[in-house]
């Protein structure tokens, strides 16, 4: 732990301070070309209820959060006047930043870089197209409010996390892709979050493996008004609906030329409702612990697909076909 207000310590201009424990006594403004880093799992700078300013009146200031370090703030300002340039907040390698209200980026070349392994939580509405914000490969973006400005293609190991009953992401009329040609991408809904989309592809090409969408908890609902493909040519792509989560889709296909693709519906109140057809194509559908899958028209199992029931899981369909 370190108290930056300790007698005799001077954090001078252009200085660099890296902290692996709890940081206290620190001014909330990083100015004068200074660098502050939180660099370990014990690293914590808690400014909850207060603002953090990185380069409000000066240039070349840096806040780096990595190695499991954490920063909490009411608002984060990166550059706030026209002559404040080249200021950066970077979050990577297990680092996490939580913003209770808003992020503001102004000036020239000022940036908030969410990098590989970094996690940003915004407990409010968030515009992912904010100038200067970079949602980098391998990182996770969480919001408890309305998510806007987000690309409809989640790629390169990114995760979008919607948490709580006020969290909503309305995808534009374009199709939603989670792993079109890359692996390890995800969307997570919990605590009553909502996702609304038209057509969705989860794991499209041969290089799109281990992509997932997870809908967890009572009140969490994903409404997909068009077609849904879970695992085309990619391997190990999956949909999880647990603990009372709901998914509503028009027609859906699990599997294609890839292997190990599946959907898992588990827990009391968990439901996957397809208004038209559901096809399981060389893949698997697991329904367990009093969860349900409804198919408005035809449920088709083909190419050695598996349909597994356990502990009161139920599937209902107007028609059933198995090759």
C-alpha atoms as a PDB file:
ATOM      1  CA  UNK A   1       0.000   0.000   0.000  1.00  0.00           C
ATOM      2  CA  UNK A   2       1.142   3.564  -0.616  1.00  0.00           C
ATOM      3  CA  UNK A   3       0.081   6.988   0.660  1.00  0.00           C
ATOM      4  CA  UNK A   4       0.984   9.551  -1.993  1.00  0.00           C
ATOM      5  CA  UNK A   5       0.397  12.326   0.561  1.00  0.00           C
ATOM      6  CA  UNK A   6       3.150  11.085   2.882  1.00  0.00           C
ATOM      7  CA  UNK A   7       5.523  13.747   4.175  1.00  0.00           C
ATOM      8  CA  UNK A   8       8.618  14.111   2.035  1.00  0.00           C
ATOM      9  CA  UNK A   9       7.257  12.369  -1.071  1.00  0.00           C
ATOM     10  CA  UNK A  10       7.110  14.463  -4.247  1.00  0.00           C
ATOM     11  CA  UNK A  11       5.422  13.105  -7.383  1.00  0.00           C
ATOM     12  CA  UNK A  12       7.136  15.544  -9.715  1.00  0.00           C
ATOM     13  CA  UNK A  13       6.282  16.485 -13.284  1.00  0.00           C
ATOM     14  CA  UNK A  14       7.180  13.750 -15.797  1.00  0.00           C
ATOM     15  CA  UNK A  15       7.477  11.344 -12.881  1.00  0.00           C
ATOM     16  CA  UNK A  16       6.264   7.745 -12.917  1.00  0.00           C
ATOM     17  CA  UNK A  17       4.565   6.036  -9.973  1.00  0.00           C
ATOM     18  CA  UNK A  18       3.635   2.341 -10.042  1.00  0.00           C
ATOM     19  CA  UNK A  19       1.636   0.910  -7.154  1.00  0.00           C
ATOM     20  CA  UNK A  20       1.033  -2.755  -6.361  1.00  0.00           C
ATOM     21  CA  UNK A  21      -1.218  -2.140  -3.339  1.00  0.00           C
ATOM     22  CA  UNK A  22      -3.880   0.318  -2.235  1.00  0.00           C
ATOM     23  CA  UNK A  23      -3.174   3.870  -3.325  1.00  0.00           C
ATOM     24  CA  UNK A  24      -4.326   6.687  -1.018  1.00  0.00           C
ATOM     25  CA  UNK A  25      -3.576  10.373  -0.676  1.00  0.00           C
ATOM     26  CA  UNK A  26      -3.422  10.835  -4.442  1.00  0.00           C
ATOM     27  CA  UNK A  27      -4.782  13.928  -6.144  1.00  0.00           C
ATOM     28  CA  UNK A  28      -7.565  13.061  -8.549  1.00  0.00           C
ATOM     29  CA  UNK A  29      -5.834  14.888 -11.439  1.00  0.00           C
ATOM     30  CA  UNK A  30      -2.871  13.385 -13.279  1.00  0.00           C
ATOM     31  CA  UNK A  31      -1.066  16.330 -14.851  1.00  0.00           C
ATOM     32  CA  UNK A  32       2.390  17.583 -15.816  1.00  0.00           C
ATOM     33  CA  UNK A  33       3.381  14.608 -17.960  1.00  0.00           C
ATOM     34  CA  UNK A  34       3.033  12.166 -15.078  1.00  0.00           C
ATOM     35  CA  UNK A  35       2.406   8.414 -15.298  1.00  0.00           C
ATOM     36  CA  UNK A  36       0.451   6.474 -12.696  1.00  0.00           C
ATOM     37  CA  UNK A  37       0.216   2.695 -12.853  1.00  0.00           C
ATOM     38  CA  UNK A  38      -1.780   0.138 -10.869  1.00  0.00           C
ATOM     39  CA  UNK A  39       0.122  -3.058 -11.528  1.00  0.00           C
ATOM     40  CA  UNK A  40      -1.040  -6.033  -9.433  1.00  0.00           C
ATOM     41  CA  UNK A  41      -4.153  -7.723  -8.072  1.00  0.00           C
ATOM     42  CA  UNK A  42      -3.681  -5.757  -4.837  1.00  0.00           C
ATOM     43  CA  UNK A  43      -3.369  -2.498  -6.752  1.00  0.00           C
ATOM     44  CA  UNK A  44      -6.413  -0.328  -6.038  1.00  0.00           C
ATOM     45  CA  UNK A  45      -7.168   3.366  -6.509  1.00  0.00           C
ATOM     46  CA  UNK A  46     -10.641   3.979  -5.170  1.00  0.00           C
ATOM     47  CA  UNK A  47     -12.024   7.347  -6.229  1.00  0.00           C
ATOM     48  CA  UNK A  48     -15.644   6.210  -5.976  1.00  0.00           C
ATOM     49  CA  UNK A  49     -17.846   9.294  -5.734  1.00  0.00           C
ATOM     50  CA  UNK A  50     -15.072  11.495  -7.175  1.00  0.00           C
ATOM     51  CA  UNK A  51     -13.770  12.276 -10.649  1.00  0.00           C
ATOM     52  CA  UNK A  52     -10.452  11.251 -12.169  1.00  0.00           C
ATOM     53  CA  UNK A  53      -8.888  13.647 -14.654  1.00  0.00           C
ATOM     54  CA  UNK A  54      -6.024  12.577 -16.906  1.00  0.00           C
ATOM     55  CA  UNK A  55      -4.597  15.609 -18.640  1.00  0.00           C
ATOM     56  CA  UNK A  56      -7.215  18.241 -17.917  1.00  0.00           C
ATOM     57  CA  UNK A  57      -4.766  21.102 -18.453  1.00  0.00           C
ATOM     58  CA  UNK A  58      -1.596  19.432 -19.733  1.00  0.00           C
ATOM     59  CA  UNK A  59      -0.337  16.807 -22.172  1.00  0.00           C
ATOM     60  CA  UNK A  60       1.350  13.390 -22.181  1.00  0.00           C
ATOM     61  CA  UNK A  61      -0.182  12.055 -18.989  1.00  0.00           C
ATOM     62  CA  UNK A  62      -0.924   8.364 -18.508  1.00  0.00           C
ATOM     63  CA  UNK A  63      -3.038   6.181 -16.245  1.00  0.00           C
ATOM     64  CA  UNK A  64      -2.202   2.499 -16.705  1.00  0.00           C
ATOM     65  CA  UNK A  65      -4.214  -0.291 -15.079  1.00  0.00           C
ATOM     66  CA  UNK A  66      -2.867  -3.807 -15.540  1.00  0.00           C
ATOM     67  CA  UNK A  67      -1.920  -7.038 -13.806  1.00  0.00           C
ATOM     68  CA  UNK A  68      -5.216  -7.208 -11.930  1.00  0.00           C
ATOM     69  CA  UNK A  69      -5.092  -3.617 -10.707  1.00  0.00           C
ATOM     70  CA  UNK A  70      -8.364  -1.722 -10.253  1.00  0.00           C
ATOM     71  CA  UNK A  71      -9.544   1.876 -10.497  1.00  0.00           C
ATOM     72  CA  UNK A  72     -12.959   3.161  -9.406  1.00  0.00           C
ATOM     73  CA  UNK A  73     -14.283   6.633 -10.217  1.00  0.00           C
ATOM     74  CA  UNK A  74     -17.546   8.544 -10.543  1.00  0.00           C
ATOM     75  CA  UNK A  75     -16.463  10.048 -13.873  1.00  0.00           C
ATOM     76  CA  UNK A  76     -13.276   9.821 -15.909  1.00  0.00           C
ATOM     77  CA  UNK A  77     -12.097  12.770 -17.989  1.00  0.00           C
ATOM     78  CA  UNK A  78      -9.293  12.219 -20.504  1.00  0.00           C
ATOM     79  CA  UNK A  79      -8.255  15.647 -21.751  1.00  0.00           C
ATOM     80  CA  UNK A  80     -10.724  18.434 -21.088  1.00  0.00           C
ATOM     81  CA  UNK A  81      -9.418  21.474 -22.935  1.00  0.00           C
ATOM     82  CA  UNK A  82      -8.254  22.069 -26.488  1.00  0.00           C
ATOM     83  CA  UNK A  83      -4.572  22.378 -25.547  1.00  0.00           C
ATOM     84  CA  UNK A  84      -4.553  19.061 -23.654  1.00  0.00           C
ATOM     85  CA  UNK A  85      -3.144  16.389 -25.971  1.00  0.00           C
ATOM     86  CA  UNK A  86      -1.734  12.854 -26.015  1.00  0.00           C
ATOM     87  CA  UNK A  87      -3.203  11.779 -22.698  1.00  0.00           C
ATOM     88  CA  UNK A  88      -4.033   8.099 -22.263  1.00  0.00           C
ATOM     89  CA  UNK A  89      -5.850   5.689 -20.025  1.00  0.00           C
ATOM     90  CA  UNK A  90      -4.897   2.090 -20.791  1.00  0.00           C
ATOM     91  CA  UNK A  91      -6.484  -1.000 -19.255  1.00  0.00           C
ATOM     92  CA  UNK A  92      -4.935  -4.404 -19.980  1.00  0.00           C
ATOM     93  CA  UNK A  93      -3.791  -7.790 -18.674  1.00  0.00           C
ATOM     94  CA  UNK A  94      -6.405  -8.281 -15.974  1.00  0.00           C
ATOM     95  CA  UNK A  95      -6.749  -4.614 -15.114  1.00  0.00           C
ATOM     96  CA  UNK A  96     -10.237  -3.269 -14.422  1.00  0.00           C
ATOM     97  CA  UNK A  97     -11.724   0.221 -14.436  1.00  0.00           C
ATOM     98  CA  UNK A  98     -15.199   0.911 -13.070  1.00  0.00           C
ATOM     99  CA  UNK A  99     -16.941   4.172 -13.959  1.00  0.00           C
ATOM    100  CA  UNK A 100     -20.099   4.921 -12.027  1.00  0.00           C
ATOM    101  CA  UNK A 101     -21.417   7.612 -14.336  1.00  0.00           C
ATOM    102  CA  UNK A 102     -19.631   8.775 -17.490  1.00  0.00           C
ATOM    103  CA  UNK A 103     -16.452   8.889 -19.509  1.00  0.00           C
ATOM    104  CA  UNK A 104     -15.490  12.092 -21.321  1.00  0.00           C
ATOM    105  CA  UNK A 105     -12.674  12.298 -23.892  1.00  0.00           C
ATOM    106  CA  UNK A 106     -11.780  15.699 -25.356  1.00  0.00           C
ATOM    107  CA  UNK A 107      -8.827  17.367 -27.039  1.00  0.00           C
ATOM    108  CA  UNK A 108      -6.265  16.033 -29.497  1.00  0.00           C
ATOM    109  CA  UNK A 109      -5.069  12.418 -29.473  1.00  0.00           C
ATOM    110  CA  UNK A 110      -6.533  11.754 -26.049  1.00  0.00           C
ATOM    111  CA  UNK A 111      -7.622   8.147 -25.644  1.00  0.00           C
ATOM    112  CA  UNK A 112      -9.080   5.468 -23.435  1.00  0.00           C
ATOM    113  CA  UNK A 113      -7.576   2.180 -24.656  1.00  0.00           C
ATOM    114  CA  UNK A 114      -9.256  -1.021 -23.500  1.00  0.00           C
ATOM    115  CA  UNK A 115      -6.611  -3.571 -24.419  1.00  0.00           C
ATOM    116  CA  UNK A 116      -6.173  -7.350 -24.285  1.00  0.00           C
ATOM    117  CA  UNK A 117      -7.211  -8.727 -20.906  1.00  0.00           C
ATOM    118  CA  UNK A 118      -8.630  -5.398 -19.761  1.00  0.00           C
ATOM    119  CA  UNK A 119     -12.141  -4.911 -18.361  1.00  0.00           C
ATOM    120  CA  UNK A 120     -14.210  -1.723 -18.340  1.00  0.00           C
ATOM    121  CA  UNK A 121     -17.458  -1.464 -16.385  1.00  0.00           C
ATOM    122  CA  UNK A 122     -19.714   1.547 -16.912  1.00  0.00           C
ATOM    123  CA  UNK A 123     -22.599   1.634 -14.441  1.00  0.00           C
ATOM    124  CA  UNK A 124     -24.641   3.896 -16.710  1.00  0.00           C
ATOM    125  CA  UNK A 125     -25.524   4.287 -20.385  1.00  0.00           C
ATOM    126  CA  UNK A 126     -22.473   4.072 -22.641  1.00  0.00           C
ATOM    127  CA  UNK A 127     -21.753   5.041 -26.245  1.00  0.00           C
ATOM    128  CA  UNK A 128     -19.062   2.674 -27.548  1.00  0.00           C
ATOM    129  CA  UNK A 129     -18.500   4.959 -30.562  1.00  0.00           C
ATOM    130  CA  UNK A 130     -17.190   7.726 -28.284  1.00  0.00           C
ATOM    131  CA  UNK A 131     -14.291   9.438 -30.066  1.00  0.00           C
ATOM    132  CA  UNK A 132     -11.026   8.333 -28.481  1.00  0.00           C
ATOM    133  CA  UNK A 133     -12.416   5.107 -27.011  1.00  0.00           C
ATOM    134  CA  UNK A 134     -10.841   1.903 -28.322  1.00  0.00           C
ATOM    135  CA  UNK A 135     -12.509  -1.429 -27.569  1.00  0.00           C
ATOM    136  CA  UNK A 136      -9.445  -3.518 -28.254  1.00  0.00           C
ATOM    137  CA  UNK A 137      -9.027  -7.178 -29.102  1.00  0.00           C
ATOM    138  CA  UNK A 138      -9.253  -9.565 -26.168  1.00  0.00           C
ATOM    139  CA  UNK A 139     -10.962  -7.098 -23.831  1.00  0.00           C
ATOM    140  CA  UNK A 140     -14.339  -6.945 -22.099  1.00  0.00           C
ATOM    141  CA  UNK A 141     -16.847  -4.093 -21.972  1.00  0.00           C
ATOM    142  CA  UNK A 142     -19.604  -4.208 -19.356  1.00  0.00           C
ATOM    143  CA  UNK A 143     -22.493  -1.815 -18.942  1.00  0.00           C
ATOM    144  CA  UNK A 144     -25.473  -1.680 -16.603  1.00  0.00           C
ATOM    145  CA  UNK A 145     -27.269   0.852 -18.806  1.00  0.00           C
ATOM    146  CA  UNK A 146     -28.133   1.341 -22.471  1.00  0.00           C
ATOM    147  CA  UNK A 147     -25.325   0.327 -24.818  1.00  0.00           C
ATOM    148  CA  UNK A 148     -25.189   2.326 -28.056  1.00  0.00           C
ATOM    149  CA  UNK A 149     -22.663   2.885 -30.830  1.00  0.00           C
ATOM    150  CA  UNK A 150     -21.495  -0.723 -30.666  1.00  0.00           C
ATOM    151  CA  UNK A 151     -20.397  -2.572 -33.785  1.00  0.00           C
ATOM    152  CA  UNK A 152     -22.688  -5.421 -34.795  1.00  0.00           C
ATOM    153  CA  UNK A 153     -19.670  -7.713 -35.239  1.00  0.00           C
ATOM    154  CA  UNK A 154     -17.967  -8.952 -32.060  1.00  0.00           C
ATOM    155  CA  UNK A 155     -14.558 -10.277 -33.074  1.00  0.00           C
ATOM    156  CA  UNK A 156     -10.951 -10.900 -31.963  1.00  0.00           C
ATOM    157  CA  UNK A 157     -11.712 -12.264 -28.511  1.00  0.00           C
ATOM    158  CA  UNK A 158     -13.917  -9.413 -27.332  1.00  0.00           C
ATOM    159  CA  UNK A 159     -16.706  -9.760 -24.773  1.00  0.00           C
ATOM    160  CA  UNK A 160     -19.793  -7.601 -24.317  1.00  0.00           C
ATOM    161  CA  UNK A 161     -21.356  -7.897 -20.860  1.00  0.00           C
ATOM    162  CA  UNK A 162     -24.849  -6.591 -20.069  1.00  0.00           C
ATOM    163  CA  UNK A 163     -25.643  -6.639 -16.361  1.00  0.00           C
ATOM    164  CA  UNK A 164     -28.832  -5.688 -14.539  1.00  0.00           C
ATOM    165  CA  UNK A 165     -32.381  -4.781 -15.449  1.00  0.00           C
ATOM    166  CA  UNK A 166     -31.407  -1.404 -16.953  1.00  0.00           C
ATOM    167  CA  UNK A 167     -28.879  -2.930 -19.356  1.00  0.00           C
ATOM    168  CA  UNK A 168     -30.144  -2.931 -22.948  1.00  0.00           C
ATOM    169  CA  UNK A 169     -28.440  -3.373 -26.297  1.00  0.00           C
ATOM    170  CA  UNK A 170     -30.600  -2.816 -29.359  1.00  0.00           C
ATOM    171  CA  UNK A 171     -28.556  -4.022 -32.311  1.00  0.00           C
ATOM    172  CA  UNK A 172     -29.215  -2.145 -35.539  1.00  0.00           C
ATOM    173  CA  UNK A 173     -31.110  -3.779 -38.400  1.00  0.00           C
ATOM    174  CA  UNK A 174     -27.822  -5.315 -39.604  1.00  0.00           C
ATOM    175  CA  UNK A 175     -27.155  -8.918 -38.616  1.00  0.00           C
ATOM    176  CA  UNK A 176     -25.317  -9.608 -35.354  1.00  0.00           C
ATOM    177  CA  UNK A 177     -22.099 -11.619 -35.645  1.00  0.00           C
ATOM    178  CA  UNK A 178     -20.364 -13.134 -32.638  1.00  0.00           C
ATOM    179  CA  UNK A 179     -17.240 -14.673 -34.094  1.00  0.00           C
ATOM    180  CA  UNK A 180     -17.694 -14.332 -37.836  1.00  0.00           C
ATOM    181  CA  UNK A 181     -14.115 -15.434 -38.492  1.00  0.00           C
ATOM    182  CA  UNK A 182     -12.353 -15.284 -35.108  1.00  0.00           C
ATOM    183  CA  UNK A 183     -12.466 -17.302 -31.887  1.00  0.00           C
ATOM    184  CA  UNK A 184     -13.329 -16.689 -28.246  1.00  0.00           C
ATOM    185  CA  UNK A 185     -15.913 -13.924 -28.588  1.00  0.00           C
ATOM    186  CA  UNK A 186     -18.856 -13.621 -26.212  1.00  0.00           C
ATOM    187  CA  UNK A 187     -21.997 -11.796 -25.156  1.00  0.00           C
ATOM    188  CA  UNK A 188     -23.189 -12.241 -21.560  1.00  0.00           C
ATOM    189  CA  UNK A 189     -26.585 -11.188 -20.214  1.00  0.00           C
ATOM    190  CA  UNK A 190     -27.471 -11.406 -16.517  1.00  0.00           C
ATOM    191  CA  UNK A 191     -29.635  -9.842 -13.851  1.00  0.00           C
ATOM    192  CA  UNK A 192     -32.499  -8.892 -16.165  1.00  0.00           C
ATOM    193  CA  UNK A 193     -30.465  -7.505 -19.084  1.00  0.00           C
ATOM    194  CA  UNK A 194     -31.996  -7.283 -22.570  1.00  0.00           C
ATOM    195  CA  UNK A 195     -30.534  -7.898 -26.032  1.00  0.00           C
ATOM    196  CA  UNK A 196     -32.599  -7.238 -29.149  1.00  0.00           C
ATOM    197  CA  UNK A 197     -31.348  -8.323 -32.578  1.00  0.00           C
ATOM    198  CA  UNK A 198     -32.585  -9.431 -35.984  1.00  0.00           C
ATOM    199  CA  UNK A 199     -30.481 -12.205 -37.572  1.00  0.00           C
ATOM    200  CA  UNK A 200     -27.567 -13.638 -35.588  1.00  0.00           C
ATOM    201  CA  UNK A 201     -24.577 -15.815 -36.505  1.00  0.00           C
ATOM    202  CA  UNK A 202     -22.514 -17.352 -33.715  1.00  0.00           C
ATOM    203  CA  UNK A 203     -19.295 -18.904 -35.037  1.00  0.00           C
ATOM    204  CA  UNK A 204     -19.539 -18.682 -38.825  1.00  0.00           C
ATOM    205  CA  UNK A 205     -16.302 -19.764 -40.505  1.00  0.00           C
ATOM    206  CA  UNK A 206     -13.797 -22.553 -39.839  1.00  0.00           C
ATOM    207  CA  UNK A 207     -11.640 -20.208 -37.751  1.00  0.00           C
ATOM    208  CA  UNK A 208     -14.576 -19.082 -35.583  1.00  0.00           C
ATOM    209  CA  UNK A 209     -14.335 -21.469 -32.612  1.00  0.00           C
ATOM    210  CA  UNK A 210     -15.524 -21.303 -28.987  1.00  0.00           C
ATOM    211  CA  UNK A 211     -17.801 -18.299 -29.350  1.00  0.00           C
ATOM    212  CA  UNK A 212     -20.749 -17.996 -27.000  1.00  0.00           C
ATOM    213  CA  UNK A 213     -23.859 -16.143 -25.982  1.00  0.00           C
ATOM    214  CA  UNK A 214     -24.991 -16.679 -22.390  1.00  0.00           C
ATOM    215  CA  UNK A 215     -28.347 -15.545 -20.998  1.00  0.00           C
ATOM    216  CA  UNK A 216     -28.557 -15.973 -17.245  1.00  0.00           C
ATOM    217  CA  UNK A 217     -31.111 -15.135 -14.599  1.00  0.00           C
ATOM    218  CA  UNK A 218     -34.777 -14.279 -14.305  1.00  0.00           C
ATOM    219  CA  UNK A 219     -35.701 -11.314 -16.506  1.00  0.00           C
ATOM    220  CA  UNK A 220     -32.682 -11.644 -18.795  1.00  0.00           C
ATOM    221  CA  UNK A 221     -34.074 -11.870 -22.318  1.00  0.00           C
ATOM    222  CA  UNK A 222     -32.510 -12.081 -25.769  1.00  0.00           C
ATOM    223  CA  UNK A 223     -35.038 -11.457 -28.526  1.00  0.00           C
ATOM    224  CA  UNK A 224     -33.784 -12.398 -31.989  1.00  0.00           C
ATOM    225  CA  UNK A 225     -36.504 -11.553 -34.488  1.00  0.00           C
ATOM    226  CA  UNK A 226     -34.922 -13.374 -37.435  1.00  0.00           C
ATOM    227  CA  UNK A 227     -32.765 -16.432 -38.022  1.00  0.00           C
ATOM    228  CA  UNK A 228     -30.177 -17.761 -35.576  1.00  0.00           C
ATOM    229  CA  UNK A 229     -27.151 -19.905 -36.465  1.00  0.00           C
ATOM    230  CA  UNK A 230     -25.095 -21.436 -33.651  1.00  0.00           C
ATOM    231  CA  UNK A 231     -21.888 -22.848 -35.074  1.00  0.00           C
ATOM    232  CA  UNK A 232     -21.585 -22.928 -38.842  1.00  0.00           C
ATOM    233  CA  UNK A 233     -18.131 -24.077 -39.903  1.00  0.00           C
ATOM    234  CA  UNK A 234     -16.563 -23.284 -36.517  1.00  0.00           C
ATOM    235  CA  UNK A 235     -16.131 -25.716 -33.618  1.00  0.00           C
ATOM    236  CA  UNK A 236     -17.360 -25.530 -30.037  1.00  0.00           C
ATOM    237  CA  UNK A 237     -19.726 -22.576 -30.371  1.00  0.00           C
ATOM    238  CA  UNK A 238     -22.628 -22.517 -27.958  1.00  0.00           C
ATOM    239  CA  UNK A 239     -25.708 -20.850 -26.542  1.00  0.00           C
ATOM    240  CA  UNK A 240     -26.326 -21.081 -22.785  1.00  0.00           C
ATOM    241  CA  UNK A 241     -29.644 -20.236 -21.161  1.00  0.00           C
ATOM    242  CA  UNK A 242     -29.601 -20.722 -17.394  1.00  0.00           C
ATOM    243  CA  UNK A 243     -31.276 -19.800 -14.111  1.00  0.00           C
ATOM    244  CA  UNK A 244     -34.485 -18.480 -15.638  1.00  0.00           C
ATOM    245  CA  UNK A 245     -33.073 -16.710 -18.686  1.00  0.00           C
ATOM    246  CA  UNK A 246     -35.163 -16.507 -21.861  1.00  0.00           C
ATOM    247  CA  UNK A 247     -34.268 -16.534 -25.548  1.00  0.00           C
ATOM    248  CA  UNK A 248     -36.857 -15.894 -28.252  1.00  0.00           C
ATOM    249  CA  UNK A 249     -35.928 -16.560 -31.882  1.00  0.00           C
ATOM    250  CA  UNK A 250     -37.791 -17.030 -35.137  1.00  0.00           C
ATOM    251  CA  UNK A 251     -35.956 -20.015 -36.622  1.00  0.00           C
ATOM    252  CA  UNK A 252     -32.674 -21.512 -35.458  1.00  0.00           C
ATOM    253  CA  UNK A 253     -29.987 -23.954 -36.547  1.00  0.00           C
ATOM    254  CA  UNK A 254     -27.411 -25.510 -34.214  1.00  0.00           C
ATOM    255  CA  UNK A 255     -24.375 -26.806 -36.077  1.00  0.00           C
ATOM    256  CA  UNK A 256     -23.112 -27.091 -39.598  1.00  0.00           C
ATOM    257  CA  UNK A 257     -19.827 -28.427 -40.920  1.00  0.00           C
ATOM    258  CA  UNK A 258     -18.088 -27.674 -37.601  1.00  0.00           C
ATOM    259  CA  UNK A 259     -17.935 -30.002 -34.594  1.00  0.00           C
ATOM    260  CA  UNK A 260     -18.986 -29.738 -30.973  1.00  0.00           C
ATOM    261  CA  UNK A 261     -21.532 -26.947 -31.339  1.00  0.00           C
ATOM    262  CA  UNK A 262     -24.430 -26.994 -28.888  1.00  0.00           C
ATOM    263  CA  UNK A 263     -27.168 -25.231 -26.970  1.00  0.00           C
ATOM    264  CA  UNK A 264     -27.626 -25.718 -23.228  1.00  0.00           C
ATOM    265  CA  UNK A 265     -30.908 -24.791 -21.525  1.00  0.00           C
ATOM    266  CA  UNK A 266     -30.851 -25.406 -17.773  1.00  0.00           C
ATOM    267  CA  UNK A 267     -32.715 -24.374 -14.648  1.00  0.00           C
ATOM    268  CA  UNK A 268     -36.259 -23.653 -13.542  1.00  0.00           C
ATOM    269  CA  UNK A 269     -37.874 -21.034 -15.769  1.00  0.00           C
ATOM    270  CA  UNK A 270     -35.144 -21.141 -18.421  1.00  0.00           C
ATOM    271  CA  UNK A 271     -36.745 -21.121 -21.861  1.00  0.00           C
ATOM    272  CA  UNK A 272     -35.771 -21.076 -25.514  1.00  0.00           C
ATOM    273  CA  UNK A 273     -38.838 -20.275 -27.608  1.00  0.00           C
ATOM    274  CA  UNK A 274     -38.575 -20.676 -31.392  1.00  0.00           C
ATOM    275  CA  UNK A 275     -41.629 -19.397 -33.217  1.00  0.00           C
ATOM    276  CA  UNK A 276     -40.797 -21.381 -36.373  1.00  0.00           C
ATOM    277  CA  UNK A 277     -38.296 -24.246 -36.893  1.00  0.00           C
ATOM    278  CA  UNK A 278     -35.343 -25.532 -34.882  1.00  0.00           C
ATOM    279  CA  UNK A 279     -32.751 -27.730 -36.633  1.00  0.00           C
ATOM    280  CA  UNK A 280     -29.961 -29.570 -34.814  1.00  0.00           C
ATOM    281  CA  UNK A 281     -27.396 -30.405 -37.474  1.00  0.00           C
ATOM    282  CA  UNK A 282     -24.501 -32.578 -36.320  1.00  0.00           C
ATOM    283  CA  UNK A 283     -24.674 -30.824 -32.957  1.00  0.00           C
ATOM    284  CA  UNK A 284     -26.353 -31.168 -29.558  1.00  0.00           C
ATOM    285  CA  UNK A 285     -29.248 -29.723 -27.585  1.00  0.00           C
ATOM    286  CA  UNK A 286     -29.245 -30.228 -23.807  1.00  0.00           C
ATOM    287  CA  UNK A 287     -32.342 -29.431 -21.739  1.00  0.00           C
ATOM    288  CA  UNK A 288     -32.111 -29.970 -17.983  1.00  0.00           C
ATOM    289  CA  UNK A 289     -33.402 -29.077 -14.513  1.00  0.00           C
ATOM    290  CA  UNK A 290     -36.973 -28.194 -15.503  1.00  0.00           C
ATOM    291  CA  UNK A 291     -35.953 -25.904 -18.356  1.00  0.00           C
ATOM    292  CA  UNK A 292     -37.893 -25.834 -21.619  1.00  0.00           C
ATOM    293  CA  UNK A 293     -37.477 -25.518 -25.381  1.00  0.00           C
ATOM    294  CA  UNK A 294     -40.529 -24.636 -27.489  1.00  0.00           C
ATOM    295  CA  UNK A 295     -40.632 -25.057 -31.265  1.00  0.00           C
ATOM    296  CA  UNK A 296     -43.578 -23.511 -33.082  1.00  0.00           C
ATOM    297  CA  UNK A 297     -43.202 -25.647 -36.181  1.00  0.00           C
ATOM    298  CA  UNK A 298     -40.711 -28.491 -36.784  1.00  0.00           C
ATOM    299  CA  UNK A 299     -37.852 -29.778 -34.629  1.00  0.00           C
ATOM    300  CA  UNK A 300     -35.330 -31.570 -36.869  1.00  0.00           C
ATOM    301  CA  UNK A 301     -32.410 -33.734 -35.721  1.00  0.00           C
ATOM    302  CA  UNK A 302     -29.971 -34.669 -38.470  1.00  0.00           C
ATOM    303  CA  UNK A 303     -26.394 -35.826 -39.036  1.00  0.00           C
ATOM    304  CA  UNK A 304     -26.106 -37.776 -35.769  1.00  0.00           C
ATOM    305  CA  UNK A 305     -27.287 -34.949 -33.561  1.00  0.00           C
ATOM    306  CA  UNK A 306     -28.009 -35.386 -29.876  1.00  0.00           C
ATOM    307  CA  UNK A 307     -31.096 -34.338 -27.940  1.00  0.00           C
ATOM    308  CA  UNK A 308     -30.487 -34.865 -24.219  1.00  0.00           C
ATOM    309  CA  UNK A 309     -33.046 -34.487 -21.423  1.00  0.00           C
ATOM    310  CA  UNK A 310     -32.216 -34.482 -17.728  1.00  0.00           C
ATOM    311  CA  UNK A 311     -34.037 -33.723 -14.476  1.00  0.00           C
ATOM    312  CA  UNK A 312     -37.342 -32.564 -15.888  1.00  0.00           C
ATOM    313  CA  UNK A 313     -36.155 -30.786 -19.019  1.00  0.00           C
ATOM    314  CA  UNK A 314     -38.872 -30.531 -21.672  1.00  0.00           C
ATOM    315  CA  UNK A 315     -39.053 -29.938 -25.426  1.00  0.00           C
ATOM    316  CA  UNK A 316     -42.305 -29.256 -27.245  1.00  0.00           C
ATOM    317  CA  UNK A 317     -42.747 -29.038 -31.028  1.00  0.00           C
ATOM    318  CA  UNK A 318     -45.626 -29.113 -33.491  1.00  0.00           C
ATOM    319  CA  UNK A 319     -43.683 -31.587 -35.630  1.00  0.00           C
ATOM    320  CA  UNK A 320     -40.603 -33.734 -35.146  1.00  0.00           C
ATOM    321  CA  UNK A 321     -38.218 -35.186 -37.722  1.00  0.00           C
ATOM    322  CA  UNK A 322     -35.042 -37.232 -37.295  1.00  0.00           C
ATOM    323  CA  UNK A 323     -32.985 -38.596 -40.166  1.00  0.00           C
END
